[in-house]
Amino acid sequence: MANWGKFNFRDFENLAKRFEKMSKGDVIDQFIRDFVMEIGMRALRKIKKLTQSNASGQLRSMWQIGKVERQGDSYIVEIFNNLEYASFVEYGFRAHWVPGKWEGNVFRYIPNYKPPPGEPGGMQVGPKGGWVEGRFMMSIGMKEIERELPTYLARRQKKLLEKLLRG
């Protein structure tokens, strides 16, 4: 009969206990929340970079990220821009007349503006009767993040497992 030697299962038992503790605790929940926020921040950076800057820079600076929320089995983080015209820049819009006036190099929108004689009283945005194409900065940024997501997730999972195996 062959002598196979002794084998100490204590390390396996400790590893199993760590896995069990991790699955019962908030470790996984926190891991997912941190990961979703990291991806959200990366997306926010990309979207801001893709957003065309105008004279005021307001459209780019108004991008924001919300808190990570759990809804059922999903974790959600919202990236948004509350600027009134953000969706029009994103998706495009019908060309139209905008009432207002120029102050130096900046156009000031004034609803129901009645200009003095000789002043145009606004500006035409886009070709008359036409369509102004959207910039799709959020759509493009999110598609880029979706392509990169597996790489980021694999890196984060590896760190979590290394931490778990070290104890």
C-alpha atoms as a PDB file:
ATOM      1  CA  MET A   1       0.000   0.000   0.000  1.00  0.00           C
ATOM      2  CA  ALA A   2       1.363   3.439  -0.964  1.00  0.00           C
ATOM      3  CA  ASN A   3       1.863   6.166   1.601  1.00  0.00           C
ATOM      4  CA  TRP A   4       0.263   9.355   0.289  1.00  0.00           C
ATOM      5  CA  GLY A   5       1.244  11.577   3.169  1.00  0.00           C
ATOM      6  CA  LYS A   6      -0.779  13.932   5.311  1.00  0.00           C
ATOM      7  CA  PHE A   7      -2.904  16.784   4.052  1.00  0.00           C
ATOM      8  CA  ASN A   8      -4.037  19.712   6.176  1.00  0.00           C
ATOM      9  CA  PHE A   9      -7.527  20.895   5.210  1.00  0.00           C
ATOM     10  CA  ARG A  10      -7.479  23.853   7.601  1.00  0.00           C
ATOM     11  CA  ASP A  11      -6.634  26.373   4.864  1.00  0.00           C
ATOM     12  CA  PHE A  12      -9.518  25.110   2.714  1.00  0.00           C
ATOM     13  CA  GLU A  13     -11.860  25.311   5.685  1.00  0.00           C
ATOM     14  CA  ASN A  14     -10.732  28.892   6.381  1.00  0.00           C
ATOM     15  CA  LEU A  15     -11.231  29.804   2.721  1.00  0.00           C
ATOM     16  CA  ALA A  16     -14.717  28.281   2.772  1.00  0.00           C
ATOM     17  CA  LYS A  17     -15.536  30.292   5.909  1.00  0.00           C
ATOM     18  CA  ARG A  18     -14.337  33.511   4.244  1.00  0.00           C
ATOM     19  CA  PHE A  19     -16.490  32.781   1.177  1.00  0.00           C
ATOM     20  CA  GLU A  20     -19.483  32.085   3.413  1.00  0.00           C
ATOM     21  CA  LYS A  21     -18.901  35.260   5.437  1.00  0.00           C
ATOM     22  CA  MET A  22     -18.560  37.268   2.232  1.00  0.00           C
ATOM     23  CA  SER A  23     -21.780  35.885   0.749  1.00  0.00           C
ATOM     24  CA  LYS A  24     -23.784  36.623   3.909  1.00  0.00           C
ATOM     25  CA  GLY A  25     -22.346  40.080   4.546  1.00  0.00           C
ATOM     26  CA  ASP A  26     -22.427  43.311   2.600  1.00  0.00           C
ATOM     27  CA  VAL A  27     -19.151  42.613   0.794  1.00  0.00           C
ATOM     28  CA  ILE A  28     -20.774  41.725  -2.533  1.00  0.00           C
ATOM     29  CA  ASP A  29     -23.323  44.544  -2.288  1.00  0.00           C
ATOM     30  CA  GLN A  30     -20.557  47.073  -1.581  1.00  0.00           C
ATOM     31  CA  PHE A  31     -18.387  45.604  -4.355  1.00  0.00           C
ATOM     32  CA  ILE A  32     -21.227  46.076  -6.875  1.00  0.00           C
ATOM     33  CA  ARG A  33     -22.063  49.580  -5.634  1.00  0.00           C
ATOM     34  CA  ASP A  34     -18.402  50.660  -5.849  1.00  0.00           C
ATOM     35  CA  PHE A  35     -18.046  49.135  -9.303  1.00  0.00           C
ATOM     36  CA  VAL A  36     -21.229  50.756 -10.642  1.00  0.00           C
ATOM     37  CA  MET A  37     -20.098  54.144  -9.294  1.00  0.00           C
ATOM     38  CA  GLU A  38     -16.640  53.711 -10.849  1.00  0.00           C
ATOM     39  CA  ILE A  39     -18.183  52.898 -14.229  1.00  0.00           C
ATOM     40  CA  GLY A  40     -20.568  55.834 -13.825  1.00  0.00           C
ATOM     41  CA  MET A  41     -17.664  58.201 -13.143  1.00  0.00           C
ATOM     42  CA  ARG A  42     -15.764  56.868 -16.158  1.00  0.00           C
ATOM     43  CA  ALA A  43     -18.862  57.369 -18.313  1.00  0.00           C
ATOM     44  CA  LEU A  44     -19.329  60.892 -16.946  1.00  0.00           C
ATOM     45  CA  ARG A  45     -15.717  61.740 -17.869  1.00  0.00           C
ATOM     46  CA  LYS A  46     -16.200  60.406 -21.406  1.00  0.00           C
ATOM     47  CA  ILE A  47     -19.496  62.243 -21.874  1.00  0.00           C
ATOM     48  CA  LYS A  48     -17.987  65.535 -20.693  1.00  0.00           C
ATOM     49  CA  LYS A  49     -15.044  65.046 -23.040  1.00  0.00           C
ATOM     50  CA  LEU A  50     -17.415  64.406 -25.963  1.00  0.00           C
ATOM     51  CA  THR A  51     -19.621  67.403 -25.132  1.00  0.00           C
ATOM     52  CA  GLN A  52     -18.846  70.315 -27.414  1.00  0.00           C
ATOM     53  CA  SER A  53     -17.875  73.369 -25.420  1.00  0.00           C
ATOM     54  CA  ASN A  54     -19.504  76.656 -26.342  1.00  0.00           C
ATOM     55  CA  ALA A  55     -18.640  80.149 -25.136  1.00  0.00           C
ATOM     56  CA  SER A  56     -20.149  79.633 -21.684  1.00  0.00           C
ATOM     57  CA  GLY A  57     -19.147  75.963 -21.244  1.00  0.00           C
ATOM     58  CA  GLN A  58     -22.427  75.493 -19.425  1.00  0.00           C
ATOM     59  CA  LEU A  59     -23.580  72.342 -21.245  1.00  0.00           C
ATOM     60  CA  ARG A  60     -20.374  70.476 -20.403  1.00  0.00           C
ATOM     61  CA  SER A  61     -20.265  71.616 -16.783  1.00  0.00           C
ATOM     62  CA  MET A  62     -23.889  70.648 -16.078  1.00  0.00           C
ATOM     63  CA  TRP A  63     -23.354  66.881 -16.471  1.00  0.00           C
ATOM     64  CA  GLN A  64     -23.910  65.170 -13.119  1.00  0.00           C
ATOM     65  CA  ILE A  65     -24.031  61.690 -11.622  1.00  0.00           C
ATOM     66  CA  GLY A  66     -26.541  60.476  -9.052  1.00  0.00           C
ATOM     67  CA  LYS A  67     -26.241  57.915  -6.264  1.00  0.00           C
ATOM     68  CA  VAL A  68     -26.097  54.182  -6.871  1.00  0.00           C
ATOM     69  CA  GLU A  69     -29.502  52.689  -6.150  1.00  0.00           C
ATOM     70  CA  ARG A  70     -30.632  49.092  -5.998  1.00  0.00           C
ATOM     71  CA  GLN A  71     -33.901  48.262  -7.745  1.00  0.00           C
ATOM     72  CA  GLY A  72     -34.719  44.569  -7.384  1.00  0.00           C
ATOM     73  CA  ASP A  73     -31.739  42.627  -8.729  1.00  0.00           C
ATOM     74  CA  SER A  74     -30.332  45.663 -10.547  1.00  0.00           C
ATOM     75  CA  TYR A  75     -28.025  48.470  -9.474  1.00  0.00           C
ATOM     76  CA  ILE A  76     -28.579  51.792 -11.211  1.00  0.00           C
ATOM     77  CA  VAL A  77     -26.673  55.060 -11.383  1.00  0.00           C
ATOM     78  CA  GLU A  78     -28.090  57.976 -13.319  1.00  0.00           C
ATOM     79  CA  ILE A  79     -26.027  60.370 -15.412  1.00  0.00           C
ATOM     80  CA  PHE A  80     -27.962  63.486 -16.319  1.00  0.00           C
ATOM     81  CA  ASN A  81     -27.846  67.061 -17.519  1.00  0.00           C
ATOM     82  CA  ASN A  82     -30.603  69.381 -16.287  1.00  0.00           C
ATOM     83  CA  LEU A  83     -29.825  72.103 -18.799  1.00  0.00           C
ATOM     84  CA  GLU A  84     -32.971  72.963 -20.734  1.00  0.00           C
ATOM     85  CA  TYR A  85     -31.464  72.353 -24.170  1.00  0.00           C
ATOM     86  CA  ALA A  86     -29.241  69.336 -23.375  1.00  0.00           C
ATOM     87  CA  SER A  87     -31.575  66.766 -24.945  1.00  0.00           C
ATOM     88  CA  PHE A  88     -31.810  68.845 -28.125  1.00  0.00           C
ATOM     89  CA  VAL A  89     -28.028  68.925 -28.471  1.00  0.00           C
ATOM     90  CA  GLU A  90     -27.896  65.166 -27.786  1.00  0.00           C
ATOM     91  CA  TYR A  91     -30.599  64.018 -30.219  1.00  0.00           C
ATOM     92  CA  GLY A  92     -30.999  66.920 -32.643  1.00  0.00           C
ATOM     93  CA  PHE A  93     -33.886  69.282 -33.304  1.00  0.00           C
ATOM     94  CA  ARG A  94     -35.946  71.016 -35.939  1.00  0.00           C
ATOM     95  CA  ALA A  95     -34.392  74.281 -37.117  1.00  0.00           C
ATOM     96  CA  HIS A  96     -36.152  77.310 -35.662  1.00  0.00           C
ATOM     97  CA  TRP A  97     -36.034  81.005 -34.829  1.00  0.00           C
ATOM     98  CA  VAL A  98     -34.794  81.906 -31.337  1.00  0.00           C
ATOM     99  CA  PRO A  99     -35.847  85.283 -29.904  1.00  0.00           C
ATOM    100  CA  GLY A 100     -33.180  87.296 -28.132  1.00  0.00           C
ATOM    101  CA  LYS A 101     -30.195  89.513 -28.811  1.00  0.00           C
ATOM    102  CA  TRP A 102     -26.446  89.462 -29.112  1.00  0.00           C
ATOM    103  CA  GLU A 103     -24.368  90.958 -26.323  1.00  0.00           C
ATOM    104  CA  GLY A 104     -20.848  90.994 -27.673  1.00  0.00           C
ATOM    105  CA  ASN A 105     -20.074  87.429 -28.788  1.00  0.00           C
ATOM    106  CA  VAL A 106     -22.756  85.839 -26.593  1.00  0.00           C
ATOM    107  CA  PHE A 107     -26.356  85.375 -27.637  1.00  0.00           C
ATOM    108  CA  ARG A 108     -28.894  85.933 -24.859  1.00  0.00           C
ATOM    109  CA  TYR A 109     -32.213  84.120 -25.194  1.00  0.00           C
ATOM    110  CA  ILE A 110     -35.128  86.402 -24.306  1.00  0.00           C
ATOM    111  CA  PRO A 111     -38.600  84.827 -24.610  1.00  0.00           C
ATOM    112  CA  ASN A 112     -41.158  87.052 -26.387  1.00  0.00           C
ATOM    113  CA  TYR A 113     -38.435  89.586 -27.231  1.00  0.00           C
ATOM    114  CA  LYS A 114     -39.660  92.663 -29.125  1.00  0.00           C
ATOM    115  CA  PRO A 115     -36.564  94.192 -30.736  1.00  0.00           C
ATOM    116  CA  PRO A 116     -36.131  97.877 -31.493  1.00  0.00           C
ATOM    117  CA  PRO A 117     -36.421  98.836 -35.186  1.00  0.00           C
ATOM    118  CA  GLY A 118     -33.422  97.739 -37.245  1.00  0.00           C
ATOM    119  CA  GLU A 119     -32.408  94.918 -34.896  1.00  0.00           C
ATOM    120  CA  PRO A 120     -33.131  91.324 -36.000  1.00  0.00           C
ATOM    121  CA  GLY A 121     -34.463  90.300 -32.584  1.00  0.00           C
ATOM    122  CA  GLY A 122     -33.074  86.802 -32.584  1.00  0.00           C
ATOM    123  CA  MET A 123     -31.272  84.252 -34.679  1.00  0.00           C
ATOM    124  CA  GLN A 124     -32.072  81.319 -36.936  1.00  0.00           C
ATOM    125  CA  VAL A 125     -30.720  78.032 -35.556  1.00  0.00           C
ATOM    126  CA  GLY A 126     -30.075  75.581 -38.369  1.00  0.00           C
ATOM    127  CA  PRO A 127     -31.173  75.811 -42.005  1.00  0.00           C
ATOM    128  CA  LYS A 128     -34.633  77.274 -42.456  1.00  0.00           C
ATOM    129  CA  GLY A 129     -37.164  74.430 -42.452  1.00  0.00           C
ATOM    130  CA  GLY A 130     -34.374  71.902 -41.843  1.00  0.00           C
ATOM    131  CA  TRP A 131     -32.990  69.663 -39.119  1.00  0.00           C
ATOM    132  CA  VAL A 132     -29.972  70.158 -36.837  1.00  0.00           C
ATOM    133  CA  GLU A 133     -28.235  66.816 -36.190  1.00  0.00           C
ATOM    134  CA  GLY A 134     -27.597  65.768 -32.619  1.00  0.00           C
ATOM    135  CA  ARG A 135     -24.105  65.362 -31.168  1.00  0.00           C
ATOM    136  CA  PHE A 136     -24.927  62.077 -29.360  1.00  0.00           C
ATOM    137  CA  MET A 137     -22.241  62.689 -26.729  1.00  0.00           C
ATOM    138  CA  MET A 138     -24.043  60.592 -24.107  1.00  0.00           C
ATOM    139  CA  SER A 139     -25.006  57.814 -26.529  1.00  0.00           C
ATOM    140  CA  ILE A 140     -21.456  57.511 -27.880  1.00  0.00           C
ATOM    141  CA  GLY A 141     -19.891  57.733 -24.409  1.00  0.00           C
ATOM    142  CA  MET A 142     -22.140  54.961 -23.070  1.00  0.00           C
ATOM    143  CA  LYS A 143     -21.390  52.691 -26.049  1.00  0.00           C
ATOM    144  CA  GLU A 144     -17.654  53.144 -25.412  1.00  0.00           C
ATOM    145  CA  ILE A 145     -18.106  52.282 -21.723  1.00  0.00           C
ATOM    146  CA  GLU A 146     -20.152  49.184 -22.612  1.00  0.00           C
ATOM    147  CA  ARG A 147     -17.270  47.960 -24.810  1.00  0.00           C
ATOM    148  CA  GLU A 148     -14.734  48.538 -22.016  1.00  0.00           C
ATOM    149  CA  LEU A 149     -16.926  47.150 -19.212  1.00  0.00           C
ATOM    150  CA  PRO A 150     -15.678  43.501 -19.320  1.00  0.00           C
ATOM    151  CA  THR A 151     -12.066  44.637 -18.862  1.00  0.00           C
ATOM    152  CA  TYR A 152     -12.905  46.844 -15.875  1.00  0.00           C
ATOM    153  CA  LEU A 153     -15.064  44.130 -14.306  1.00  0.00           C
ATOM    154  CA  ALA A 154     -12.398  41.422 -14.697  1.00  0.00           C
ATOM    155  CA  ARG A 155      -9.821  43.703 -13.065  1.00  0.00           C
ATOM    156  CA  ARG A 156     -12.132  44.485 -10.121  1.00  0.00           C
ATOM    157  CA  GLN A 157     -13.122  40.821  -9.665  1.00  0.00           C
ATOM    158  CA  LYS A 158      -9.470  39.793  -9.618  1.00  0.00           C
ATOM    159  CA  LYS A 159      -8.742  42.322  -6.853  1.00  0.00           C
ATOM    160  CA  LEU A 160     -11.733  41.073  -4.837  1.00  0.00           C
ATOM    161  CA  LEU A 161     -10.613  37.437  -5.119  1.00  0.00           C
ATOM    162  CA  GLU A 162      -7.017  38.313  -4.207  1.00  0.00           C
ATOM    163  CA  LYS A 163      -8.282  40.163  -1.145  1.00  0.00           C
ATOM    164  CA  LEU A 164     -10.490  37.220  -0.230  1.00  0.00           C
ATOM    165  CA  LEU A 165      -7.716  34.649  -0.670  1.00  0.00           C
ATOM    166  CA  ARG A 166      -5.276  36.670   1.439  1.00  0.00           C
ATOM    167  CA  GLY A 167      -7.814  36.702   4.254  1.00  0.00           C
END
